[in-house]
Amino acid sequence: MERGYFIVSRENDTSKIKLMPKYLKDYVTEFNFLFHQIYLCSTADADDDTQHSIFYNFGNNTRKFLEAFLFYKYPNANDIDDKLTRFFGGNKQASSMTDRIINEFSHLEALFERSMIPIDIPEMNKIATFILDKIKEKDNDQFEALMNSIGIEIIATV
C-alpha cells in the first residue's frame, strides 16, 4: 500500500497542502536528520564528488546538532567551549578541532577569506568520527537509538 505525506504551509493569508519534504518525512525530528548527516560524513569517501554536500554542510549541521545535544547533556555549562571540553573528556584536539569547524564553516561574516579556501574533508571526517565515538562511549543506549532512527541497526557482539 502506497502512502503520501503532506504538510500544510502558510503563504501570506492562505494555507496550502504540499508534499512533505523528504528530510521531514524520513526522520522523526531535525535532530535525527542532523545526526544522520554527521554519520554520513564519518563514513563518506573523500574522493567521491557526489558527496560534496555532506562536507559542505558539515559545519552548520554539526553546530546545530551539538547545540541541541550538549544543551541537554550539560544544561549548566556556561558556553560551547565548556560543553565541548566536558563532552570530549578533556581531549583538547577533538574539542578545538570541533570548535574550529563549527565556527569557521558555519559563519563567514567574520572569516570571509575562509570561503576561498577548500574545505578540509579529512578533518571533517575525523571530527564526525570523534563525535559518534564519544556519544557511543558516554551513552551507548542513546547512540544505538540514534543509529536505529536513521535506519542502521547495531548488531550486539558477545
N, C-alpha and C. Protein backbone atom coordinates (compact mmCIF):
# COMPACT_ATOMS: atom_id res chain seq x y z
N MET A 1 0.83 -1.16 0.00
CA MET A 1 0.00 0.00 0.00
C MET A 1 0.89 1.24 0.00
N GLU A 2 0.65 2.11 -0.92
CA GLU A 2 1.44 3.33 -1.04
C GLU A 2 0.80 4.45 -0.23
N ARG A 3 1.64 5.28 0.41
CA ARG A 3 1.16 6.39 1.21
C ARG A 3 1.80 7.68 0.75
N GLY A 4 1.11 8.77 1.02
CA GLY A 4 1.67 10.08 0.77
C GLY A 4 1.74 10.85 2.07
N TYR A 5 2.76 11.67 2.20
CA TYR A 5 2.92 12.51 3.38
C TYR A 5 2.85 13.96 2.94
N PHE A 6 2.08 14.72 3.68
CA PHE A 6 1.84 16.10 3.28
C PHE A 6 2.09 17.03 4.45
N ILE A 7 2.27 18.29 4.12
CA ILE A 7 2.48 19.32 5.10
C ILE A 7 1.61 20.52 4.72
N VAL A 8 1.08 21.17 5.72
CA VAL A 8 0.29 22.39 5.48
C VAL A 8 1.23 23.56 5.71
N SER A 9 1.36 24.41 4.70
CA SER A 9 2.22 25.59 4.85
C SER A 9 1.39 26.85 4.61
N ARG A 10 1.74 27.84 5.37
CA ARG A 10 1.02 29.11 5.25
C ARG A 10 1.79 30.02 4.31
N GLU A 11 1.11 30.58 3.37
CA GLU A 11 1.70 31.54 2.45
C GLU A 11 0.82 32.77 2.44
N ASN A 12 1.28 33.82 3.09
CA ASN A 12 0.52 35.07 3.28
C ASN A 12 -0.78 34.77 4.03
N ASP A 13 -1.91 34.99 3.41
CA ASP A 13 -3.20 34.78 4.08
C ASP A 13 -3.86 33.45 3.74
N THR A 14 -3.15 32.59 3.05
CA THR A 14 -3.73 31.30 2.66
C THR A 14 -2.85 30.15 3.12
N SER A 15 -3.44 29.00 3.18
CA SER A 15 -2.71 27.78 3.50
C SER A 15 -2.71 26.87 2.29
N LYS A 16 -1.63 26.13 2.13
CA LYS A 16 -1.53 25.20 1.02
C LYS A 16 -1.09 23.85 1.55
N ILE A 17 -1.59 22.81 0.92
CA ILE A 17 -1.15 21.45 1.24
C ILE A 17 -0.11 21.08 0.20
N LYS A 18 1.07 20.69 0.69
CA LYS A 18 2.18 20.33 -0.19
C LYS A 18 2.71 18.96 0.21
N LEU A 19 3.41 18.34 -0.72
CA LEU A 19 4.11 17.11 -0.38
C LEU A 19 5.14 17.42 0.69
N MET A 20 5.23 16.57 1.69
CA MET A 20 6.19 16.77 2.76
C MET A 20 7.61 16.57 2.21
N PRO A 21 8.52 17.48 2.54
CA PRO A 21 9.91 17.31 2.09
C PRO A 21 10.49 16.00 2.64
N LYS A 22 11.36 15.39 1.85
CA LYS A 22 11.96 14.10 2.21
C LYS A 22 12.66 14.15 3.56
N TYR A 23 13.36 15.25 3.86
CA TYR A 23 14.09 15.32 5.12
C TYR A 23 13.16 15.33 6.33
N LEU A 24 11.92 15.75 6.17
CA LEU A 24 10.95 15.69 7.28
C LEU A 24 10.27 14.33 7.31
N LYS A 25 9.96 13.78 6.17
CA LYS A 25 9.26 12.50 6.08
C LYS A 25 10.12 11.35 6.60
N ASP A 26 11.40 11.39 6.31
CA ASP A 26 12.27 10.27 6.62
C ASP A 26 12.85 10.28 8.04
N TYR A 27 12.66 11.36 8.79
CA TYR A 27 13.25 11.47 10.11
C TYR A 27 12.20 11.87 11.13
N VAL A 28 12.36 11.38 12.34
CA VAL A 28 11.44 11.71 13.41
C VAL A 28 11.51 13.20 13.74
N THR A 29 12.73 13.73 13.79
CA THR A 29 12.96 15.14 14.09
C THR A 29 14.16 15.64 13.30
N GLU A 30 14.35 16.94 13.31
CA GLU A 30 15.54 17.52 12.68
C GLU A 30 16.80 17.01 13.37
N PHE A 31 16.74 16.78 14.67
CA PHE A 31 17.87 16.26 15.43
C PHE A 31 18.36 14.94 14.83
N ASN A 32 17.43 14.05 14.48
CA ASN A 32 17.80 12.77 13.88
C ASN A 32 18.40 12.97 12.50
N PHE A 33 17.85 13.92 11.74
CA PHE A 33 18.41 14.25 10.43
C PHE A 33 19.85 14.72 10.58
N LEU A 34 20.10 15.62 11.53
CA LEU A 34 21.44 16.15 11.74
C LEU A 34 22.40 15.05 12.18
N PHE A 35 21.94 14.15 13.05
CA PHE A 35 22.76 13.01 13.45
C PHE A 35 23.15 12.18 12.23
N HIS A 36 22.17 11.95 11.34
CA HIS A 36 22.45 11.17 10.14
C HIS A 36 23.50 11.85 9.26
N GLN A 37 23.43 13.16 9.16
CA GLN A 37 24.42 13.89 8.36
C GLN A 37 25.82 13.73 8.94
N ILE A 38 25.94 13.74 10.25
CA ILE A 38 27.24 13.51 10.90
C ILE A 38 27.70 12.09 10.64
N TYR A 39 26.79 11.13 10.75
CA TYR A 39 27.13 9.74 10.45
C TYR A 39 27.61 9.60 9.00
N LEU A 40 26.88 10.20 8.07
CA LEU A 40 27.27 10.11 6.65
C LEU A 40 28.65 10.71 6.43
N CYS A 41 28.96 11.79 7.12
CA CYS A 41 30.29 12.41 6.98
C CYS A 41 31.37 11.47 7.53
N SER A 42 31.05 10.75 8.59
CA SER A 42 32.05 9.84 9.18
C SER A 42 32.36 8.66 8.27
N THR A 43 31.43 8.32 7.38
CA THR A 43 31.62 7.14 6.52
C THR A 43 31.84 7.52 5.05
N ALA A 44 31.79 8.81 4.73
CA ALA A 44 31.88 9.25 3.34
C ALA A 44 33.29 9.07 2.78
N ASP A 45 33.33 8.83 1.50
CA ASP A 45 34.59 8.74 0.75
C ASP A 45 34.96 10.14 0.29
N ALA A 46 36.08 10.64 0.77
CA ALA A 46 36.51 12.00 0.44
C ALA A 46 36.72 12.20 -1.06
N ASP A 47 36.96 11.12 -1.78
CA ASP A 47 37.22 11.23 -3.21
C ASP A 47 35.95 11.14 -4.06
N ASP A 48 34.81 10.91 -3.42
CA ASP A 48 33.55 10.78 -4.14
C ASP A 48 32.92 12.16 -4.32
N ASP A 49 32.98 12.68 -5.53
CA ASP A 49 32.48 14.03 -5.82
C ASP A 49 30.97 14.17 -5.63
N THR A 50 30.25 13.07 -5.61
CA THR A 50 28.80 13.16 -5.46
C THR A 50 28.39 13.45 -4.01
N GLN A 51 29.32 13.37 -3.07
CA GLN A 51 29.01 13.56 -1.66
C GLN A 51 29.46 14.92 -1.12
N HIS A 52 29.69 15.87 -2.01
CA HIS A 52 30.23 17.17 -1.57
C HIS A 52 29.31 17.90 -0.60
N SER A 53 27.99 17.73 -0.71
CA SER A 53 27.08 18.47 0.17
C SER A 53 27.20 18.02 1.62
N ILE A 54 27.57 16.77 1.84
CA ILE A 54 27.79 16.28 3.20
C ILE A 54 28.89 17.09 3.87
N PHE A 55 29.97 17.34 3.14
CA PHE A 55 31.09 18.08 3.70
C PHE A 55 30.81 19.58 3.72
N TYR A 56 30.19 20.08 2.68
CA TYR A 56 29.90 21.50 2.59
C TYR A 56 28.99 21.95 3.73
N ASN A 57 28.03 21.11 4.10
CA ASN A 57 27.06 21.46 5.15
C ASN A 57 27.48 20.98 6.54
N PHE A 58 28.62 20.34 6.64
CA PHE A 58 29.03 19.72 7.90
C PHE A 58 29.14 20.72 9.05
N GLY A 59 29.71 21.88 8.82
CA GLY A 59 29.87 22.87 9.89
C GLY A 59 28.54 23.27 10.50
N ASN A 60 27.59 23.63 9.66
CA ASN A 60 26.26 24.02 10.15
C ASN A 60 25.53 22.85 10.79
N ASN A 61 25.54 21.71 10.14
CA ASN A 61 24.83 20.55 10.68
C ASN A 61 25.39 20.13 12.04
N THR A 62 26.70 20.13 12.15
CA THR A 62 27.34 19.73 13.40
C THR A 62 27.08 20.76 14.50
N ARG A 63 27.15 22.03 14.16
CA ARG A 63 26.88 23.09 15.14
C ARG A 63 25.46 22.94 15.68
N LYS A 64 24.50 22.78 14.80
CA LYS A 64 23.10 22.66 15.23
C LYS A 64 22.89 21.40 16.07
N PHE A 65 23.46 20.28 15.63
CA PHE A 65 23.31 19.04 16.38
C PHE A 65 23.92 19.18 17.78
N LEU A 66 25.16 19.69 17.84
CA LEU A 66 25.83 19.79 19.13
C LEU A 66 25.18 20.82 20.05
N GLU A 67 24.64 21.90 19.49
CA GLU A 67 23.93 22.87 20.33
C GLU A 67 22.77 22.19 21.05
N ALA A 68 21.99 21.40 20.34
CA ALA A 68 20.86 20.70 20.95
C ALA A 68 21.33 19.59 21.89
N PHE A 69 22.21 18.75 21.39
CA PHE A 69 22.67 17.60 22.18
C PHE A 69 23.35 18.04 23.48
N LEU A 70 24.27 19.00 23.38
CA LEU A 70 25.02 19.42 24.56
C LEU A 70 24.20 20.30 25.50
N PHE A 71 23.18 20.97 24.99
CA PHE A 71 22.31 21.75 25.86
C PHE A 71 21.64 20.82 26.88
N TYR A 72 21.16 19.68 26.41
CA TYR A 72 20.50 18.74 27.30
C TYR A 72 21.49 17.91 28.11
N LYS A 73 22.66 17.66 27.54
CA LYS A 73 23.68 16.87 28.25
C LYS A 73 24.30 17.67 29.39
N TYR A 74 24.57 18.96 29.15
CA TYR A 74 25.21 19.82 30.14
C TYR A 74 24.44 21.13 30.28
N PRO A 75 23.25 21.09 30.88
CA PRO A 75 22.41 22.30 30.93
C PRO A 75 23.01 23.43 31.77
N ASN A 76 23.94 23.13 32.65
CA ASN A 76 24.52 24.17 33.50
C ASN A 76 25.87 24.68 33.00
N ALA A 77 26.34 24.16 31.88
CA ALA A 77 27.62 24.63 31.33
C ALA A 77 27.45 26.05 30.80
N ASN A 78 28.50 26.82 30.90
CA ASN A 78 28.43 28.24 30.55
C ASN A 78 28.41 28.52 29.06
N ASP A 79 29.25 27.86 28.30
CA ASP A 79 29.35 28.17 26.87
C ASP A 79 29.75 26.92 26.09
N ILE A 80 29.82 27.07 24.78
CA ILE A 80 30.11 25.93 23.91
C ILE A 80 31.50 25.35 24.19
N ASP A 81 32.47 26.19 24.53
CA ASP A 81 33.81 25.67 24.82
C ASP A 81 33.79 24.75 26.03
N ASP A 82 33.08 25.17 27.07
CA ASP A 82 32.95 24.36 28.27
C ASP A 82 32.23 23.04 27.95
N LYS A 83 31.17 23.12 27.16
CA LYS A 83 30.41 21.92 26.80
C LYS A 83 31.25 20.96 25.97
N LEU A 84 32.00 21.49 25.00
CA LEU A 84 32.84 20.63 24.17
C LEU A 84 33.94 19.97 24.99
N THR A 85 34.55 20.73 25.90
CA THR A 85 35.60 20.17 26.76
C THR A 85 35.04 19.03 27.61
N ARG A 86 33.88 19.25 28.18
CA ARG A 86 33.26 18.21 29.01
C ARG A 86 32.86 17.01 28.16
N PHE A 87 32.28 17.26 26.99
CA PHE A 87 31.84 16.19 26.11
C PHE A 87 33.00 15.31 25.66
N PHE A 88 34.09 15.94 25.24
CA PHE A 88 35.24 15.17 24.74
C PHE A 88 36.16 14.72 25.87
N GLY A 89 35.76 14.95 27.11
CA GLY A 89 36.51 14.43 28.25
C GLY A 89 37.93 14.94 28.34
N GLY A 90 38.13 16.17 28.02
CA GLY A 90 39.47 16.75 28.10
C GLY A 90 40.33 16.51 26.88
N ASN A 91 39.82 15.83 25.86
CA ASN A 91 40.59 15.64 24.63
C ASN A 91 40.63 16.98 23.91
N LYS A 92 41.70 17.72 24.14
CA LYS A 92 41.83 19.09 23.61
C LYS A 92 41.81 19.12 22.09
N GLN A 93 42.42 18.12 21.45
CA GLN A 93 42.44 18.09 19.99
C GLN A 93 41.03 17.99 19.42
N ALA A 94 40.24 17.05 19.94
CA ALA A 94 38.88 16.88 19.45
C ALA A 94 38.05 18.12 19.73
N SER A 95 38.20 18.67 20.91
CA SER A 95 37.44 19.86 21.30
C SER A 95 37.78 21.06 20.43
N SER A 96 39.07 21.33 20.24
CA SER A 96 39.46 22.52 19.46
C SER A 96 39.19 22.34 17.97
N MET A 97 39.37 21.12 17.44
CA MET A 97 39.06 20.88 16.03
C MET A 97 37.57 21.07 15.76
N THR A 98 36.74 20.54 16.66
CA THR A 98 35.30 20.67 16.50
C THR A 98 34.87 22.12 16.60
N ASP A 99 35.40 22.83 17.58
CA ASP A 99 35.07 24.25 17.75
C ASP A 99 35.45 25.04 16.50
N ARG A 100 36.62 24.76 15.95
CA ARG A 100 37.07 25.47 14.75
C ARG A 100 36.16 25.19 13.56
N ILE A 101 35.82 23.94 13.36
CA ILE A 101 34.96 23.56 12.22
C ILE A 101 33.57 24.19 12.35
N ILE A 102 32.97 24.11 13.54
CA ILE A 102 31.60 24.64 13.67
C ILE A 102 31.57 26.15 13.63
N ASN A 103 32.68 26.79 13.89
CA ASN A 103 32.72 28.25 13.77
C ASN A 103 33.12 28.69 12.37
N GLU A 104 34.22 28.18 11.87
CA GLU A 104 34.72 28.62 10.56
C GLU A 104 33.83 28.21 9.40
N PHE A 105 33.19 27.07 9.51
CA PHE A 105 32.41 26.57 8.38
C PHE A 105 30.91 26.83 8.49
N SER A 106 30.50 27.52 9.55
CA SER A 106 29.08 27.87 9.62
C SER A 106 28.87 29.37 9.70
N HIS A 107 29.95 30.14 9.77
CA HIS A 107 29.86 31.60 9.80
C HIS A 107 30.96 32.17 8.90
N LEU A 108 30.59 32.90 7.90
CA LEU A 108 31.60 33.51 7.02
C LEU A 108 31.74 35.01 7.24
N GLU A 109 30.83 35.60 7.98
CA GLU A 109 30.83 37.04 8.15
C GLU A 109 32.18 37.57 8.65
N ALA A 110 32.69 37.00 9.72
CA ALA A 110 33.96 37.48 10.28
C ALA A 110 35.16 36.82 9.62
N LEU A 111 34.94 35.74 8.89
CA LEU A 111 36.03 34.98 8.28
C LEU A 111 35.78 34.81 6.79
N PHE A 112 35.53 35.89 6.10
CA PHE A 112 35.16 35.78 4.69
C PHE A 112 36.23 35.07 3.86
N GLU A 113 37.49 35.27 4.19
CA GLU A 113 38.55 34.60 3.42
C GLU A 113 38.46 33.08 3.53
N ARG A 114 37.79 32.59 4.56
CA ARG A 114 37.60 31.15 4.73
C ARG A 114 36.83 30.56 3.55
N SER A 115 35.95 31.35 2.95
CA SER A 115 35.14 30.86 1.84
C SER A 115 35.95 30.64 0.58
N MET A 116 37.17 31.13 0.56
CA MET A 116 38.01 30.99 -0.63
C MET A 116 39.01 29.84 -0.51
N ILE A 117 39.01 29.17 0.64
CA ILE A 117 39.93 28.06 0.89
C ILE A 117 39.15 26.76 0.79
N PRO A 118 39.71 25.74 0.12
CA PRO A 118 38.98 24.46 0.04
C PRO A 118 38.73 23.88 1.44
N ILE A 119 37.60 23.21 1.59
CA ILE A 119 37.28 22.62 2.89
C ILE A 119 38.18 21.44 3.18
N ASP A 120 38.41 21.18 4.44
CA ASP A 120 39.30 20.12 4.89
C ASP A 120 38.50 18.85 5.16
N ILE A 121 38.28 18.07 4.12
CA ILE A 121 37.43 16.89 4.21
C ILE A 121 37.96 15.84 5.20
N PRO A 122 39.25 15.50 5.18
CA PRO A 122 39.72 14.51 6.16
C PRO A 122 39.51 14.96 7.61
N GLU A 123 39.64 16.26 7.87
CA GLU A 123 39.43 16.76 9.23
C GLU A 123 37.96 16.63 9.62
N MET A 124 37.06 16.91 8.69
CA MET A 124 35.64 16.78 8.96
C MET A 124 35.27 15.33 9.24
N ASN A 125 35.81 14.43 8.45
CA ASN A 125 35.58 13.00 8.65
C ASN A 125 36.05 12.57 10.04
N LYS A 126 37.20 13.08 10.43
CA LYS A 126 37.77 12.74 11.74
C LYS A 126 36.90 13.27 12.88
N ILE A 127 36.41 14.50 12.74
CA ILE A 127 35.56 15.10 13.78
C ILE A 127 34.24 14.35 13.87
N ALA A 128 33.65 14.00 12.74
CA ALA A 128 32.40 13.24 12.74
C ALA A 128 32.59 11.92 13.50
N THR A 129 33.71 11.27 13.27
CA THR A 129 34.01 10.02 13.95
C THR A 129 34.23 10.25 15.44
N PHE A 130 34.94 11.33 15.81
CA PHE A 130 35.12 11.70 17.23
C PHE A 130 33.76 11.83 17.92
N ILE A 131 32.85 12.55 17.28
CA ILE A 131 31.53 12.81 17.88
C ILE A 131 30.76 11.51 18.07
N LEU A 132 30.71 10.69 17.05
CA LEU A 132 29.99 9.42 17.15
C LEU A 132 30.60 8.51 18.21
N ASP A 133 31.92 8.41 18.22
CA ASP A 133 32.59 7.57 19.21
C ASP A 133 32.31 8.04 20.63
N LYS A 134 32.28 9.36 20.83
CA LYS A 134 32.06 9.91 22.16
C LYS A 134 30.62 9.68 22.62
N ILE A 135 29.66 9.83 21.72
CA ILE A 135 28.27 9.55 22.09
C ILE A 135 28.13 8.08 22.48
N LYS A 136 28.74 7.21 21.69
CA LYS A 136 28.69 5.77 21.97
C LYS A 136 29.33 5.45 23.32
N GLU A 137 30.46 6.06 23.58
CA GLU A 137 31.18 5.83 24.84
C GLU A 137 30.38 6.33 26.05
N LYS A 138 29.82 7.52 25.94
CA LYS A 138 29.13 8.14 27.08
C LYS A 138 27.72 7.61 27.30
N ASP A 139 27.04 7.23 26.24
CA ASP A 139 25.65 6.77 26.36
C ASP A 139 25.33 5.84 25.20
N ASN A 140 25.74 4.59 25.34
CA ASN A 140 25.57 3.62 24.27
C ASN A 140 24.10 3.40 23.92
N ASP A 141 23.21 3.45 24.91
CA ASP A 141 21.78 3.29 24.63
C ASP A 141 21.29 4.38 23.68
N GLN A 142 21.67 5.64 23.95
CA GLN A 142 21.24 6.72 23.08
C GLN A 142 21.88 6.58 21.70
N PHE A 143 23.14 6.20 21.67
CA PHE A 143 23.83 6.01 20.39
C PHE A 143 23.09 4.98 19.54
N GLU A 144 22.76 3.84 20.15
CA GLU A 144 22.06 2.80 19.41
C GLU A 144 20.68 3.26 18.94
N ALA A 145 19.99 4.03 19.79
CA ALA A 145 18.67 4.55 19.41
C ALA A 145 18.80 5.54 18.26
N LEU A 146 19.81 6.39 18.30
CA LEU A 146 20.02 7.34 17.20
C LEU A 146 20.38 6.61 15.91
N MET A 147 21.23 5.61 16.02
CA MET A 147 21.58 4.83 14.83
C MET A 147 20.34 4.14 14.26
N ASN A 148 19.53 3.57 15.13
CA ASN A 148 18.30 2.92 14.69
C ASN A 148 17.36 3.92 14.04
N SER A 149 17.33 5.16 14.54
CA SER A 149 16.42 6.18 13.99
C SER A 149 16.81 6.58 12.57
N ILE A 150 18.05 6.29 12.17
CA ILE A 150 18.48 6.61 10.81
C ILE A 150 18.58 5.35 9.96
N GLY A 151 18.02 4.25 10.49
CA GLY A 151 17.95 3.02 9.72
C GLY A 151 19.15 2.12 9.79
N ILE A 152 19.99 2.33 10.80
CA ILE A 152 21.18 1.49 10.95
C ILE A 152 21.05 0.71 12.25
N GLU A 153 20.93 -0.61 12.09
CA GLU A 153 20.76 -1.46 13.26
C GLU A 153 22.12 -1.90 13.76
N ILE A 154 22.33 -1.78 15.07
CA ILE A 154 23.57 -2.19 15.70
C ILE A 154 23.43 -3.66 16.10
N ILE A 155 24.35 -4.47 15.65
CA ILE A 155 24.35 -5.89 15.98
C ILE A 155 25.21 -6.06 17.23
N ALA A 156 24.59 -6.55 18.29
CA ALA A 156 25.31 -6.76 19.55
C ALA A 156 26.32 -7.88 19.39
N THR A 157 27.52 -7.65 19.89
CA THR A 157 28.56 -8.68 19.86
C THR A 157 28.77 -9.19 21.28
N VAL A 158 28.94 -10.49 21.40
CA VAL A 158 29.11 -11.09 22.72
C VAL A 158 30.52 -11.52 22.91
